[in-house]
């Protein structure tokens, strides 16, 4: 599966904008994220593997952005059944908690069984 070459930067910016931590920077186009919908829905597990392979080594906000894609483009049910979706969620929540970032509903709903409280 072919992802944009700048997927890590794209998803890092995406999560920062979505969480209202930054304003949309010049040149950022959220349609680039939403244009991944076709790829995501045509083969969700392959798509999530490709995204996880890109963002998990970068960790932190990039992984959190990958988890946001699951919520935005696919289904939160994948956090329970897809190990790549779960890995991105876990890494993103760990990063958010260690950096005192607020968690959103799907993060708390699907991470309460393994997340270490702040």
Protein backbone atom coordinates (compact mmCIF):
# COMPACT_ATOMS: atom_id res chain seq x y z
CA UNK A 1 0.00 0.00 0.00
CA UNK A 2 1.35 3.37 -1.00
CA UNK A 3 1.06 6.22 1.49
CA UNK A 4 2.17 9.83 1.01
CA UNK A 5 5.93 10.11 1.47
CA UNK A 6 5.39 12.67 4.23
CA UNK A 7 2.80 10.59 6.13
CA UNK A 8 4.56 11.02 9.49
CA UNK A 9 4.64 14.81 9.20
CA UNK A 10 1.12 14.86 7.77
CA UNK A 11 -0.32 12.87 10.69
CA UNK A 12 1.67 14.81 13.27
CA UNK A 13 0.27 18.07 11.94
CA UNK A 14 -3.17 16.51 11.59
CA UNK A 15 -3.39 15.48 15.25
CA UNK A 16 -2.06 18.85 16.43
CA UNK A 17 -4.71 20.67 14.38
CA UNK A 18 -7.49 18.24 15.37
CA UNK A 19 -6.63 18.61 19.06
CA UNK A 20 -6.55 22.40 18.59
CA UNK A 21 -2.95 22.61 19.76
CA UNK A 22 -2.00 24.63 16.67
CA UNK A 23 -3.74 26.58 13.94
CA UNK A 24 -3.58 25.11 10.46
CA UNK A 25 -0.08 25.96 9.24
CA UNK A 26 0.47 27.43 5.77
CA UNK A 27 0.37 24.71 3.16
CA UNK A 28 -1.50 22.23 5.36
CA UNK A 29 -4.50 20.75 3.58
CA UNK A 30 -6.72 18.46 5.69
CA UNK A 31 -8.19 17.03 2.48
CA UNK A 32 -4.92 15.11 2.09
CA UNK A 33 -5.88 13.13 5.20
CA UNK A 34 -9.49 12.60 4.16
CA UNK A 35 -8.38 11.59 0.66
CA UNK A 36 -6.91 8.46 2.29
CA UNK A 37 -10.46 7.22 2.88
CA UNK A 38 -10.56 5.14 -0.31
CA UNK A 39 -7.36 3.32 0.57
CA UNK A 40 -8.44 2.89 4.17
CA UNK A 41 -11.80 1.37 3.35
CA UNK A 42 -10.66 -0.80 0.44
CA UNK A 43 -8.39 -2.86 2.71
CA UNK A 44 -8.45 -1.59 6.32
CA UNK A 45 -5.99 -4.09 7.76
CA UNK A 46 -3.39 -3.53 5.03
CA UNK A 47 -3.88 0.23 5.32
CA UNK A 48 -3.42 0.15 9.10
CA UNK A 49 -0.30 -1.98 8.77
CA UNK A 50 1.21 0.53 6.35
CA UNK A 51 0.29 3.48 8.58
CA UNK A 52 1.58 1.74 11.72
CA UNK A 53 4.83 0.78 9.97
CA UNK A 54 5.34 4.48 9.21
CA UNK A 55 4.22 6.14 12.44
CA UNK A 56 5.16 3.72 15.23
CA UNK A 57 8.92 4.16 14.75
CA UNK A 58 8.37 7.93 15.01
CA UNK A 59 6.12 7.38 18.04
CA UNK A 60 4.32 10.04 20.02
CA UNK A 61 2.17 12.45 18.12
CA UNK A 62 2.62 10.61 14.83
CA UNK A 63 1.21 7.42 16.39
CA UNK A 64 -1.59 9.43 17.95
CA UNK A 65 -2.36 10.83 14.50
CA UNK A 66 -2.45 7.28 13.14
CA UNK A 67 -4.95 6.30 15.83
CA UNK A 68 -7.03 9.35 14.95
CA UNK A 69 -7.20 8.05 11.37
CA UNK A 70 -8.76 4.84 12.69
CA UNK A 71 -11.43 6.86 14.46
CA UNK A 72 -11.96 9.33 11.61
CA UNK A 73 -11.80 7.10 8.52
CA UNK A 74 -12.65 3.61 9.74
CA UNK A 75 -14.14 2.37 13.01
CA UNK A 76 -13.27 2.47 16.69
CA UNK A 77 -14.07 -1.25 16.76
CA UNK A 78 -10.71 -1.79 15.07
CA UNK A 79 -8.95 -0.77 18.30
CA UNK A 80 -10.19 -4.10 19.71
CA UNK A 81 -9.44 -6.37 16.77
CA UNK A 82 -6.53 -4.91 14.79
CA UNK A 83 -3.15 -5.04 16.50
CA UNK A 84 -1.81 -2.13 14.42
CA UNK A 85 -4.74 0.10 15.37
CA UNK A 86 -4.33 -0.87 19.02
CA UNK A 87 -0.56 -0.26 18.93
CA UNK A 88 -1.04 3.24 17.53
CA UNK A 89 -3.70 3.98 20.12
CA UNK A 90 -1.53 2.72 22.98
CA UNK A 91 1.52 4.68 21.85
CA UNK A 92 -0.52 7.83 21.24
CA UNK A 93 -2.20 7.65 24.65
CA UNK A 94 1.10 6.99 26.43
CA UNK A 95 2.60 10.01 24.70
CA UNK A 96 -0.42 12.20 25.48
CA UNK A 97 -0.41 11.20 29.15
CA UNK A 98 3.33 11.71 29.54
CA UNK A 99 3.02 15.15 27.93
CA UNK A 100 -0.07 16.20 29.90
CA UNK A 101 -2.31 16.32 26.84
CA UNK A 102 -6.04 15.91 27.19
CA UNK A 103 -7.46 12.61 26.01
CA UNK A 104 -10.57 12.43 23.86
CA UNK A 105 -13.43 9.96 24.12
CA UNK A 106 -12.18 7.15 21.90
CA UNK A 107 -8.77 7.29 23.63
CA UNK A 108 -10.22 6.88 27.11
CA UNK A 109 -12.95 4.45 26.02
CA UNK A 110 -10.57 2.03 24.34
CA UNK A 111 -7.52 2.35 26.53
CA UNK A 112 -8.89 2.10 30.07
CA UNK A 113 -7.96 -1.58 30.43
CA UNK A 114 -4.21 -1.04 29.89
CA UNK A 115 -3.55 2.67 30.41
CA UNK A 116 -1.57 3.77 33.42
CA UNK A 117 -3.41 6.62 35.18
CA UNK A 118 -1.74 10.02 35.24
